[in-house]
């Protein structure tokens, strides 16, 4: 029996008005961990709008088991990131007061003492507010109301885990899919195993749910990578057509995707949510996404941004030429094999301990900061990695860095940088690394004598 183009290639066509109405009346709505974790950054009002939408959907919500696992594993980091905002605020006002004191003294300003006292008073008031908020955040680690609400909403609609045999089968399939650039998940190839296969596990669980229910699937995610979304000249057009094709072939139903913002906008119309509060929530989410994108673009080195935009594999020759221009080596008996992609483990040749060399290369790859030039107060500073982390059995890593001023006048500055290994591994969108780069820039622009920075958000 012959079929039309629309039936054979549904991923390349937007739904008709009837299909759209049927979608919101019948579809199952699946949610990514990124959406649940994103709730920690929203106001109470915006969260309530999201919960109202989920309750209006009733039993037509679905949380893939892998998404639930990722949410629970990263929940405390999301809470800590909120705490980091308040601590960063205190640090910023402290730097402002120090800078004002220095400038007032340098220029002998007539109103200098009054200005300094006003700044110190602001520091005291803001510090008290931040401390109060930090106390509430610490309580959230012990008693998380958001977690309880989500647990109730997905009480009977969280998918089961795969048994070990099926899990291994999917991971093996993921290796082949990534090699062939079959969406989703291939942009996560730099992550550690088995975390790099998380998106594929979620995708297969969505297919399983759709095959069992015979209902269309709508997937809500904050993941903006092109292994989920069809992108053309900077615009996101919708879900990758290959995903819709695979869903249709394996489950016999249609597949759609929404961002969190878009989901709320349509929910207002089809689920009859309150217009004003829903619009405010959608606007709040849009602003957060915009800020994240701007921060990531600023933090990613220009050479890396260009390569990512072109979807070009960055080989280790490119990596060493840009990230490690001095061909940095830690010890005299090992070197980097320049014939492998930058995102894979570098092949190390060492007469003493190949395992140690591999570990050092892994840490150099995790945080590509060597050779990056930071703009700081009075000068540009070139970063040199002078000491890589040693395995500690914890999530905490310490990089020893030296920043050399390019004006040739100032003295180099040394820094111990403490970061989260899990945070680096899972940061395919460069959000966590963007925060690290920004934190270092602030440190270089400050007057502090501290030689240690911590960022575990």
Protein backbone atom coordinates (compact mmCIF):
# COMPACT_ATOMS: atom_id res chain seq x y z
CA UNK A 1 0.00 0.00 0.00
CA UNK A 2 1.40 3.33 -1.04
CA UNK A 3 1.63 6.16 1.46
CA UNK A 4 2.11 9.89 1.17
CA UNK A 5 5.28 11.81 1.97
CA UNK A 6 3.79 13.16 5.21
CA UNK A 7 3.05 9.64 6.50
CA UNK A 8 6.45 8.29 5.52
CA UNK A 9 8.50 11.25 6.79
CA UNK A 10 6.55 12.79 9.70
CA UNK A 11 9.64 14.33 11.25
CA UNK A 12 9.95 16.82 8.41
CA UNK A 13 6.41 18.23 8.72
CA UNK A 14 4.78 20.45 11.31
CA UNK A 15 1.53 19.06 12.74
CA UNK A 16 -1.80 20.18 11.36
CA UNK A 17 -4.26 21.99 13.62
CA UNK A 18 -6.13 18.75 14.22
CA UNK A 19 -2.93 16.84 14.97
CA UNK A 20 -1.96 19.57 17.40
CA UNK A 21 -5.31 19.39 19.20
CA UNK A 22 -5.11 15.59 19.32
CA UNK A 23 -1.57 15.83 20.65
CA UNK A 24 -2.52 17.84 23.71
CA UNK A 25 -5.59 15.70 24.31
CA UNK A 26 -3.88 12.28 24.02
CA UNK A 27 -0.08 12.49 24.20
CA UNK A 28 2.17 11.39 27.01
CA UNK A 29 4.52 14.15 28.19
CA UNK A 30 8.00 12.96 29.14
CA UNK A 31 10.42 15.09 31.14
CA UNK A 32 14.19 15.30 31.16
CA UNK A 33 16.33 15.62 34.28
CA UNK A 34 17.46 19.04 33.03
CA UNK A 35 13.89 20.31 33.42
CA UNK A 36 13.54 19.07 36.98
CA UNK A 37 16.95 20.44 37.96
CA UNK A 38 16.08 23.75 36.31
CA UNK A 39 13.21 24.19 38.76
CA UNK A 40 15.72 25.01 41.50
CA UNK A 41 16.56 28.21 39.64
CA UNK A 42 12.97 29.42 39.34
CA UNK A 43 10.90 31.60 41.63
CA UNK A 44 8.20 29.97 43.74
CA UNK A 45 5.52 31.42 41.44
CA UNK A 46 7.14 30.00 38.30
CA UNK A 47 7.52 26.59 39.92
CA UNK A 48 3.85 26.61 40.85
CA UNK A 49 2.87 27.24 37.23
CA UNK A 50 4.93 24.21 36.18
CA UNK A 51 3.30 22.03 38.84
CA UNK A 52 -0.16 23.25 37.81
CA UNK A 53 0.59 22.15 34.24
CA UNK A 54 1.70 18.69 35.35
CA UNK A 55 -1.38 18.23 37.54
CA UNK A 56 -3.61 19.30 34.65
CA UNK A 57 -2.06 16.56 32.52
CA UNK A 58 -3.04 14.00 35.12
CA UNK A 59 -1.67 10.54 34.40
CA UNK A 60 -0.26 11.61 31.03
CA UNK A 61 3.14 12.48 32.46
CA UNK A 62 6.15 10.19 32.29
CA UNK A 63 9.59 10.34 33.86
CA UNK A 64 12.13 8.03 32.19
CA UNK A 65 14.04 6.03 34.77
CA UNK A 66 17.35 7.42 33.55
CA UNK A 67 16.03 10.99 33.86
CA UNK A 68 14.91 10.28 37.43
CA UNK A 69 18.34 8.84 38.21
CA UNK A 70 20.14 11.88 36.77
CA UNK A 71 17.89 14.27 38.65
CA UNK A 72 18.45 12.57 42.00
CA UNK A 73 22.19 12.28 41.41
CA UNK A 74 22.58 16.00 40.55
CA UNK A 75 19.93 17.51 42.81
CA UNK A 76 22.35 18.57 45.56
CA UNK A 77 24.63 20.25 43.02
CA UNK A 78 21.65 22.26 41.77
CA UNK A 79 20.89 23.35 45.34
CA UNK A 80 24.55 24.21 45.95
CA UNK A 81 24.56 26.35 42.80
CA UNK A 82 21.83 28.49 44.36
CA UNK A 83 23.96 28.85 47.48
CA UNK A 84 26.87 29.84 45.27
CA UNK A 85 24.89 32.81 43.98
CA UNK A 86 24.59 34.28 47.46
CA UNK A 87 28.25 33.67 48.24
CA UNK A 88 29.24 35.21 44.89
CA UNK A 89 27.13 38.25 45.76
CA UNK A 90 29.01 38.69 49.02
CA UNK A 91 32.32 38.32 47.20
CA UNK A 92 31.32 40.89 44.56
CA UNK A 93 30.35 43.54 47.10
CA UNK A 94 33.59 42.86 49.02
CA UNK A 95 35.64 43.41 45.85
CA UNK A 96 33.72 46.61 45.16
CA UNK A 97 34.46 47.99 48.62
CA UNK A 98 38.17 47.11 48.30
CA UNK A 99 38.40 48.70 44.86
CA UNK A 100 36.64 51.84 46.06
CA UNK A 101 38.99 52.17 49.05
CA UNK A 102 42.04 51.85 46.79
CA UNK A 103 40.80 54.36 44.23
CA UNK A 104 39.63 56.86 46.85
CA UNK A 105 43.06 56.77 48.46
CA UNK A 106 44.92 56.98 45.14
CA UNK A 107 42.98 60.05 44.02
CA UNK A 108 42.45 61.69 47.44
CA UNK A 109 38.76 62.15 46.72
CA UNK A 110 37.11 64.85 48.91
CA UNK A 111 34.05 62.66 49.54
CA UNK A 112 36.09 59.46 49.59
CA UNK A 113 35.57 58.54 53.28
CA UNK A 114 31.80 59.08 53.02
CA UNK A 115 31.60 56.98 49.86
CA UNK A 116 33.62 54.20 51.50
CA UNK A 117 31.40 54.21 54.58
CA UNK A 118 28.27 54.04 52.41
CA UNK A 119 29.76 51.06 50.53
CA UNK A 120 30.62 49.32 53.80
CA UNK A 121 27.09 49.84 55.07
CA UNK A 122 25.74 48.31 51.86
CA UNK A 123 28.17 45.41 52.34
CA UNK A 124 26.85 44.81 55.86
CA UNK A 125 23.20 44.87 54.77
CA UNK A 126 23.70 42.71 51.67
CA UNK A 127 25.86 40.29 53.66
CA UNK A 128 23.14 39.87 56.29
CA UNK A 129 20.52 39.17 53.61
CA UNK A 130 22.82 36.70 51.84
CA UNK A 131 23.61 34.90 55.11
CA UNK A 132 19.91 34.57 55.87
CA UNK A 133 19.29 33.13 52.41
CA UNK A 134 22.24 30.74 52.78
CA UNK A 135 20.74 29.39 56.00
CA UNK A 136 17.53 28.58 54.15
CA UNK A 137 19.51 26.91 51.34
CA UNK A 138 21.30 24.67 53.85
CA UNK A 139 17.90 23.59 55.17
CA UNK A 140 16.92 22.68 51.59
CA UNK A 141 19.69 20.07 51.48
CA UNK A 142 18.06 18.27 54.39
CA UNK A 143 14.39 18.86 53.65
CA UNK A 144 13.67 19.48 49.98
CA UNK A 145 10.02 20.34 49.38
CA UNK A 146 10.60 20.44 45.63
CA UNK A 147 11.82 16.85 45.70
CA UNK A 148 8.71 15.77 47.59
CA UNK A 149 6.39 17.50 45.13
CA UNK A 150 8.09 15.85 42.17
CA UNK A 151 8.00 12.47 43.88
CA UNK A 152 4.25 12.84 44.36
CA UNK A 153 3.64 13.98 40.79
CA UNK A 154 5.58 11.04 39.35
CA UNK A 155 4.49 8.56 42.02
CA UNK A 156 3.08 6.06 39.51
CA UNK A 157 4.53 7.38 36.25
CA UNK A 158 8.28 6.82 36.61
CA UNK A 159 9.63 4.24 34.20
CA UNK A 160 11.33 1.04 35.39
CA UNK A 161 15.09 0.54 35.09
CA UNK A 162 16.65 -1.76 32.52
CA UNK A 163 17.99 -5.08 33.71
CA UNK A 164 21.81 -5.38 33.48
CA UNK A 165 21.72 -7.33 30.22
CA UNK A 166 19.48 -4.82 28.43
CA UNK A 167 21.52 -1.95 29.87
CA UNK A 168 24.71 -3.38 28.37
CA UNK A 169 22.99 -3.97 25.03
CA UNK A 170 21.88 -0.33 24.80
CA UNK A 171 25.33 0.97 25.78
CA UNK A 172 26.87 -1.12 22.99
CA UNK A 173 24.29 0.21 20.54
CA UNK A 174 25.07 3.74 21.72
CA UNK A 175 28.73 3.31 20.75
CA UNK A 176 27.69 2.51 17.18
CA UNK A 177 25.10 5.29 17.10
CA UNK A 178 27.62 7.87 18.30
CA UNK A 179 30.14 6.77 15.69
CA UNK A 180 27.49 7.30 13.00
CA UNK A 181 26.18 10.57 14.54
CA UNK A 182 22.72 9.06 15.08
CA UNK A 183 20.79 11.23 17.55
CA UNK A 184 20.44 11.66 20.42
CA UNK A 185 23.45 11.76 22.72
CA UNK A 186 26.49 11.74 20.44
CA UNK A 187 27.49 15.22 21.65
CA UNK A 188 28.09 13.65 25.08
CA UNK A 189 30.91 11.45 23.84
CA UNK A 190 33.44 13.32 26.02
CA UNK A 191 31.69 12.23 29.22
CA UNK A 192 32.82 9.26 31.24
CA UNK A 193 31.13 5.89 30.89
CA UNK A 194 28.33 5.11 31.44
CA UNK A 195 27.19 8.76 31.84
CA UNK A 196 27.88 9.42 28.15
CA UNK A 197 25.03 7.04 27.25
CA UNK A 198 22.40 8.78 29.40
CA UNK A 199 20.53 10.42 26.50
CA UNK A 200 20.34 7.15 24.58
CA UNK A 201 18.94 5.39 27.64
CA UNK A 202 16.30 8.11 28.01
CA UNK A 203 15.48 7.87 24.31
CA UNK A 204 14.98 4.10 24.41
CA UNK A 205 12.82 4.45 27.53
CA UNK A 206 10.65 7.00 25.70
CA UNK A 207 10.28 4.55 22.80
CA UNK A 208 9.34 1.75 25.21
CA UNK A 209 6.71 3.93 26.85
CA UNK A 210 5.24 4.97 23.50
CA UNK A 211 5.19 1.38 22.22
CA UNK A 212 3.33 0.23 25.34
CA UNK A 213 0.79 3.06 25.44
CA UNK A 214 0.39 3.60 21.68
CA UNK A 215 0.16 7.31 22.45
CA UNK A 216 2.25 10.13 20.93
CA UNK A 217 5.20 11.28 23.01
CA UNK A 218 6.14 14.89 23.78
CA UNK A 219 9.56 15.27 25.38
CA UNK A 220 10.37 18.38 27.45
CA UNK A 221 14.06 19.20 27.87
CA UNK A 222 16.43 22.08 28.56
CA UNK A 223 19.17 20.31 26.62
CA UNK A 224 19.90 22.64 23.70
CA UNK A 225 22.43 20.51 21.82
CA UNK A 226 22.06 19.67 18.17
CA UNK A 227 21.90 15.93 18.84
CA UNK A 228 18.31 16.54 20.02
CA UNK A 229 17.27 19.59 18.00
CA UNK A 230 17.28 20.40 14.31
CA UNK A 231 19.32 23.58 13.97
CA UNK A 232 19.94 25.69 10.90
CA UNK A 233 22.00 28.89 10.78
CA UNK A 234 21.62 29.52 14.48
CA UNK A 235 17.89 28.80 14.62
CA UNK A 236 16.28 25.83 16.35
CA UNK A 237 13.51 24.44 14.18
CA UNK A 238 12.25 21.52 16.25
CA UNK A 239 13.15 17.96 17.14
CA UNK A 240 15.64 16.18 14.92
CA UNK A 241 13.65 14.53 12.09
CA UNK A 242 15.57 11.30 12.66
CA UNK A 243 14.04 11.04 16.13
CA UNK A 244 10.50 11.34 14.82
CA UNK A 245 11.30 8.75 12.14
CA UNK A 246 12.70 6.28 14.65
CA UNK A 247 9.78 6.76 17.04
CA UNK A 248 7.30 6.19 14.21
CA UNK A 249 9.17 3.08 13.03
CA UNK A 250 9.62 1.46 16.44
CA UNK A 251 6.52 2.58 18.35
CA UNK A 252 4.10 3.60 15.59
CA UNK A 253 3.40 7.03 17.08
CA UNK A 254 4.50 10.62 16.51
CA UNK A 255 7.20 12.36 18.51
CA UNK A 256 7.52 16.03 19.43
CA UNK A 257 9.82 18.09 21.62
CA UNK A 258 9.40 21.32 23.56
CA UNK A 259 11.69 23.53 25.54
CA UNK A 260 10.47 24.28 29.04
CA UNK A 261 9.38 27.75 27.99
CA UNK A 262 7.47 26.50 24.95
CA UNK A 263 5.77 23.81 26.99
CA UNK A 264 4.33 26.40 29.37
CA UNK A 265 3.23 28.65 26.53
CA UNK A 266 1.20 25.84 24.94
CA UNK A 267 0.03 24.59 28.33
CA UNK A 268 -1.57 27.97 28.95
CA UNK A 269 -3.68 27.51 25.84
CA UNK A 270 -4.53 23.82 25.98
CA UNK A 271 -4.60 23.23 29.75
CA UNK A 272 -6.27 26.57 30.56
CA UNK A 273 -3.61 27.84 32.94
CA UNK A 274 -3.79 31.38 34.28
CA UNK A 275 -2.43 33.62 31.49
CA UNK A 276 -0.58 36.23 33.53
CA UNK A 277 1.29 33.89 35.87
CA UNK A 278 2.11 31.52 32.99
CA UNK A 279 3.51 34.33 30.86
CA UNK A 280 5.64 35.53 33.76
CA UNK A 281 6.98 32.02 34.33
CA UNK A 282 7.78 31.56 30.63
CA UNK A 283 9.53 34.94 30.56
CA UNK A 284 11.55 34.02 33.64
CA UNK A 285 12.69 30.77 32.02
CA UNK A 286 13.55 32.59 28.79
CA UNK A 287 15.73 35.05 30.69
CA UNK A 288 17.62 32.26 32.49
CA UNK A 289 18.26 30.43 29.22
CA UNK A 290 19.51 33.65 27.62
CA UNK A 291 21.89 34.31 30.50
CA UNK A 292 23.22 30.75 30.37
CA UNK A 293 23.83 30.98 26.65
CA UNK A 294 25.63 34.31 26.95
CA UNK A 295 27.78 33.04 29.81
CA UNK A 296 28.72 29.91 27.88
CA UNK A 297 29.62 31.91 24.76
CA UNK A 298 31.83 34.23 26.77
CA UNK A 299 33.63 31.44 28.57
CA UNK A 300 34.36 29.08 25.69
CA UNK A 301 37.67 29.95 24.03
CA UNK A 302 37.23 31.37 20.54
CA UNK A 303 38.98 28.47 18.83
CA UNK A 304 36.70 25.97 20.58
CA UNK A 305 33.54 27.98 19.85
CA UNK A 306 34.38 28.03 16.15
CA UNK A 307 35.05 24.32 16.03
CA UNK A 308 31.86 23.47 17.93
CA UNK A 309 29.80 25.74 15.71
CA UNK A 310 31.16 24.04 12.61
CA UNK A 311 30.59 20.63 14.20
CA UNK A 312 34.18 19.83 13.29
CA UNK A 313 35.99 17.16 15.27
CA UNK A 314 38.79 18.85 17.16
CA UNK A 315 41.83 16.62 16.89
CA UNK A 316 44.57 16.73 19.44
CA UNK A 317 46.83 18.71 17.13
CA UNK A 318 44.28 21.53 17.26
CA UNK A 319 43.86 21.00 20.98
CA UNK A 320 47.56 21.17 21.77
CA UNK A 321 48.11 24.12 19.44
CA UNK A 322 45.41 26.16 21.15
CA UNK A 323 44.95 24.84 24.66
CA UNK A 324 48.50 23.70 25.31
CA UNK A 325 50.70 25.78 22.99
CA UNK A 326 53.80 25.12 25.05
CA UNK A 327 53.31 21.36 24.67
CA UNK A 328 53.06 21.15 28.43
CA UNK A 329 54.33 17.95 29.96
CA UNK A 330 54.26 16.84 33.55
CA UNK A 331 57.43 14.80 34.01
CA UNK A 332 60.01 14.02 31.39
CA UNK A 333 59.07 10.48 30.42
CA UNK A 334 55.69 10.82 28.75
CA UNK A 335 54.13 12.67 25.86
CA UNK A 336 50.81 13.09 24.13
CA UNK A 337 49.97 11.19 20.98
CA UNK A 338 48.71 13.88 18.59
CA UNK A 339 46.83 11.53 16.28
CA UNK A 340 43.71 10.97 18.38
CA UNK A 341 40.60 13.18 18.82
CA UNK A 342 40.84 15.60 21.74
CA UNK A 343 37.80 14.14 23.45
CA UNK A 344 39.26 10.66 23.73
CA UNK A 345 41.85 9.52 26.21
CA UNK A 346 45.24 10.68 24.94
CA UNK A 347 47.66 7.88 24.21
CA UNK A 348 50.53 8.36 26.60
CA UNK A 349 53.96 6.84 26.19
CA UNK A 350 55.88 6.60 29.42
CA UNK A 351 58.61 4.31 30.56
CA UNK A 352 57.68 4.55 34.23
CA UNK A 353 53.89 4.51 34.61
CA UNK A 354 51.50 4.58 31.62
CA UNK A 355 48.51 4.67 33.99
CA UNK A 356 49.74 7.87 35.62
CA UNK A 357 50.33 9.48 32.25
CA UNK A 358 46.84 8.57 31.06
CA UNK A 359 45.35 10.02 34.23
CA UNK A 360 47.26 13.28 33.78
CA UNK A 361 46.14 13.58 30.18
CA UNK A 362 42.55 12.94 31.25
CA UNK A 363 42.66 15.82 33.72
CA UNK A 364 44.23 18.13 31.13
CA UNK A 365 41.36 17.28 28.78
CA UNK A 366 38.65 17.68 31.42
CA UNK A 367 39.41 21.35 31.99
CA UNK A 368 40.92 22.83 28.78
CA UNK A 369 42.34 25.93 30.36
CA UNK A 370 46.08 25.76 29.62
CA UNK A 371 47.08 28.62 27.33
CA UNK A 372 43.79 30.48 27.69
CA UNK A 373 44.18 34.25 28.05
CA UNK A 374 42.01 35.92 30.68
CA UNK A 375 41.26 39.60 30.83
CA UNK A 376 41.97 40.89 34.31
CA UNK A 377 42.61 44.15 36.10
CA UNK A 378 45.35 46.09 34.31
CA UNK A 379 46.53 43.27 32.10
CA UNK A 380 45.73 40.12 30.20
CA UNK A 381 46.83 36.94 31.96
CA UNK A 382 47.88 33.75 30.23
CA UNK A 383 47.08 30.56 32.12
CA UNK A 384 49.60 27.79 32.56
CA UNK A 385 48.67 24.50 34.20
CA UNK A 386 51.56 23.79 36.57
CA UNK A 387 50.03 20.89 38.45
CA UNK A 388 47.24 18.46 37.60
CA UNK A 389 44.92 16.78 40.09
CA UNK A 390 45.79 13.50 41.69
CA UNK A 391 43.08 10.87 42.18
CA UNK A 392 41.61 11.25 45.67
CA UNK A 393 38.65 8.89 45.55
CA UNK A 394 36.28 11.88 45.88
CA UNK A 395 34.57 14.29 43.51
CA UNK A 396 37.04 17.07 44.40
CA UNK A 397 39.86 17.96 42.01
CA UNK A 398 42.62 20.53 42.52
CA UNK A 399 44.35 22.19 39.56
CA UNK A 400 47.45 24.27 40.21
CA UNK A 401 47.56 27.22 37.84
CA UNK A 402 49.96 30.06 37.15
CA UNK A 403 48.76 33.24 35.43
CA UNK A 404 51.45 35.23 33.68
CA UNK A 405 50.74 38.91 32.89
CA UNK A 406 51.22 39.80 29.27
CA UNK A 407 52.23 43.37 30.06
CA UNK A 408 55.55 42.09 31.43
CA UNK A 409 55.26 44.37 34.47
CA UNK A 410 53.22 42.55 37.07
CA UNK A 411 54.29 39.40 38.84
CA UNK A 412 52.72 36.04 38.00
CA UNK A 413 49.85 34.89 40.20
CA UNK A 414 49.47 31.32 41.41
CA UNK A 415 46.16 29.65 42.11
CA UNK A 416 44.86 26.38 43.53
CA UNK A 417 41.54 25.75 41.77
CA UNK A 418 39.19 23.22 43.37
CA UNK A 419 36.41 21.91 41.11
CA UNK A 420 33.95 19.04 40.78
CA UNK A 421 35.02 16.11 38.61
CA UNK A 422 31.39 15.14 38.00
CA UNK A 423 30.59 18.74 37.12
CA UNK A 424 33.32 18.79 34.47
CA UNK A 425 32.33 15.43 33.01
CA UNK A 426 28.65 16.36 32.68
CA UNK A 427 29.24 19.86 31.35
CA UNK A 428 28.73 19.21 27.63
CA UNK A 429 27.07 22.66 27.26
CA UNK A 430 30.02 24.43 28.96
CA UNK A 431 27.83 25.95 31.67
CA UNK A 432 29.92 24.68 34.58
CA UNK A 433 33.19 25.54 32.87
CA UNK A 434 31.74 28.97 32.02
CA UNK A 435 31.23 29.58 35.73
CA UNK A 436 34.82 28.48 36.43
CA UNK A 437 36.26 30.80 33.76
CA UNK A 438 34.15 33.69 35.05
CA UNK A 439 35.23 33.00 38.64
CA UNK A 440 38.88 33.09 37.61
CA UNK A 441 38.35 36.35 35.70
CA UNK A 442 36.82 37.90 38.82
CA UNK A 443 39.74 36.66 40.92
CA UNK A 444 42.27 38.14 38.50
CA UNK A 445 40.43 41.44 38.62
CA UNK A 446 40.31 41.55 42.41
CA UNK A 447 42.72 42.77 45.05
CA UNK A 448 42.50 39.61 47.12
CA UNK A 449 45.62 37.81 48.33
CA UNK A 450 43.84 34.48 48.38
CA UNK A 451 45.50 31.78 46.29
CA UNK A 452 42.64 29.26 46.35
CA UNK A 453 39.25 29.17 44.63
CA UNK A 454 36.47 26.63 45.11
CA UNK A 455 33.62 25.93 42.74
CA UNK A 456 31.64 22.73 43.25
CA UNK A 457 28.28 23.99 41.93
